[in-house]
Amino acid sequence: MKQRGRKSGQSRATLSVVGGFPRVVASTSYNPPPCPEHLAPPERAIWDQVVRSFKGEDAAFAVLASGLESHMRARECREIIEREGLITIGRDDQTKAHPLCNVERDARKAFQATFKALGIKL
């Protein structure tokens, strides 16, 4: 049987009647949480840019921080790969892709999935 109406756990909108018409009440005091200390400067810049325009709930900012951690991991992997080279030599003198290529790919996917889940366009 399908559930009708509000699903459990959903928040309610606050309405106010202004001039006879209902209006959604916008909070005038928006205090976004500070950027997590462990994020590097490039990720801090993204945090600041996103937080200025994104007004989400506290849980959304935890997800945003997680996505930026993935971004930082991918960027650090890219820097190491650029420094050490895309190809490494295995123990039997065979060439293979740098092991961090997979880590970078996975971290980039996690970053993109996080921003997609939050509805933030990249």
Protein backbone atom coordinates (compact mmCIF):
# COMPACT_ATOMS: atom_id res chain seq x y z
CA MET A 1 0.00 0.00 0.00
CA LYS A 2 1.39 3.40 -0.95
CA GLN A 3 1.93 5.96 1.75
CA ARG A 4 0.18 9.26 1.16
CA GLY A 5 1.15 12.65 2.41
CA ARG A 6 4.27 13.50 4.37
CA LYS A 7 6.86 10.78 4.72
CA SER A 8 8.20 10.26 8.21
CA GLY A 9 11.29 12.32 9.04
CA GLN A 10 10.56 15.15 6.60
CA SER A 11 10.64 18.69 7.90
CA ARG A 12 7.78 21.11 7.56
CA ALA A 13 7.93 24.44 5.80
CA THR A 14 7.20 27.51 7.86
CA LEU A 15 4.54 29.73 6.35
CA SER A 16 3.52 33.23 7.18
CA VAL A 17 0.49 35.14 5.94
CA VAL A 18 1.54 38.47 4.44
CA GLY A 19 -1.12 40.67 2.89
CA GLY A 20 -3.57 37.78 2.81
CA PHE A 21 -1.20 35.50 0.83
CA PRO A 22 0.85 32.71 2.39
CA ARG A 23 4.61 33.16 2.03
CA VAL A 24 7.52 30.95 3.00
CA VAL A 25 9.36 32.61 5.85
CA ALA A 26 13.02 33.06 5.02
CA SER A 27 15.45 33.15 7.89
CA THR A 28 17.38 36.41 7.90
CA SER A 29 20.15 35.11 10.14
CA TYR A 30 21.99 32.43 8.22
CA ASN A 31 25.19 31.30 9.92
CA PRO A 32 26.88 28.56 7.91
CA PRO A 33 29.26 26.28 9.75
CA PRO A 34 32.97 27.07 9.47
CA CYS A 35 35.16 25.21 7.02
CA PRO A 36 36.70 22.02 8.49
CA GLU A 37 40.27 22.70 9.63
CA HIS A 38 41.82 19.71 7.84
CA LEU A 39 40.85 20.85 4.33
CA ALA A 40 43.61 22.31 2.17
CA PRO A 41 43.38 25.84 0.67
CA PRO A 42 41.91 24.73 -2.72
CA GLU A 43 39.13 22.83 -0.94
CA ARG A 44 38.59 25.70 1.51
CA ALA A 45 38.00 28.00 -1.48
CA ILE A 46 35.37 25.58 -2.84
CA TRP A 47 33.75 25.38 0.62
CA ASP A 48 33.51 29.18 0.84
CA GLN A 49 32.07 29.46 -2.67
CA VAL A 50 29.48 26.71 -2.12
CA VAL A 51 28.45 27.84 1.38
CA ARG A 52 27.77 31.39 0.13
CA SER A 53 25.02 30.14 -2.19
CA PHE A 54 24.00 26.81 -0.59
CA LYS A 55 21.75 26.96 2.44
CA GLY A 56 21.38 23.37 3.57
CA GLU A 57 20.83 21.65 6.85
CA ASP A 58 23.72 20.71 9.14
CA ALA A 59 23.81 17.15 7.78
CA ALA A 60 24.29 18.53 4.26
CA PHE A 61 27.43 20.37 5.38
CA ALA A 62 28.87 17.13 6.76
CA VAL A 63 28.27 15.54 3.34
CA LEU A 64 29.84 18.58 1.67
CA ALA A 65 32.93 18.20 3.87
CA SER A 66 33.16 14.52 2.91
CA GLY A 67 32.94 15.40 -0.77
CA LEU A 68 35.70 17.97 -0.39
CA GLU A 69 37.86 15.39 1.38
CA SER A 70 37.44 13.21 -1.72
CA HIS A 71 38.36 16.19 -3.90
CA MET A 72 41.49 16.78 -1.81
CA ARG A 73 42.46 13.09 -2.05
CA ALA A 74 42.05 13.10 -5.84
CA ARG A 75 44.08 16.31 -6.16
CA GLU A 76 46.88 14.93 -3.95
CA CYS A 77 46.98 11.72 -6.00
CA ARG A 78 47.16 13.76 -9.22
CA GLU A 79 50.10 15.77 -7.84
CA ILE A 80 52.00 12.60 -6.85
CA ILE A 81 51.31 10.98 -10.23
CA GLU A 82 52.55 14.11 -12.02
CA ARG A 83 55.72 14.05 -9.92
CA GLU A 84 56.41 10.28 -10.15
CA GLY A 85 54.99 9.57 -13.60
CA LEU A 86 51.92 7.80 -14.88
CA ILE A 87 53.78 4.53 -15.49
CA THR A 88 55.72 2.55 -12.89
CA ILE A 89 57.90 -0.52 -13.22
CA GLY A 90 56.72 -3.68 -11.46
CA ARG A 91 58.91 -6.19 -9.68
CA ASP A 92 59.28 -8.29 -12.86
CA ASP A 93 60.28 -5.20 -14.89
CA GLN A 94 56.82 -4.93 -16.45
CA THR A 95 55.26 -1.51 -16.91
CA LYS A 96 51.99 -0.74 -15.20
CA ALA A 97 49.86 2.24 -14.33
CA HIS A 98 50.74 4.11 -11.17
CA PRO A 99 48.78 2.57 -8.26
CA LEU A 100 47.37 5.97 -7.29
CA CYS A 101 45.53 6.20 -10.64
CA ASN A 102 42.78 3.98 -9.20
CA VAL A 103 42.67 5.95 -5.95
CA GLU A 104 42.39 9.21 -7.88
CA ARG A 105 39.59 7.84 -10.07
CA ASP A 106 37.60 6.56 -7.08
CA ALA A 107 38.06 9.79 -5.13
CA ARG A 108 36.96 11.86 -8.13
CA LYS A 109 33.83 9.72 -8.54
CA ALA A 110 33.04 10.10 -4.83
CA PHE A 111 33.43 13.88 -5.10
CA GLN A 112 31.14 14.06 -8.12
CA ALA A 113 28.54 11.78 -6.53
CA THR A 114 28.52 13.88 -3.36
CA PHE A 115 27.91 17.12 -5.23
CA LYS A 116 25.25 15.47 -7.37
CA ALA A 117 23.49 14.18 -4.23
CA LEU A 118 23.53 17.69 -2.77
CA GLY A 119 22.17 19.14 -6.01
CA ILE A 120 25.25 21.31 -6.56
CA LYS A 121 26.20 21.79 -10.19
CA LEU A 122 29.89 21.40 -10.96
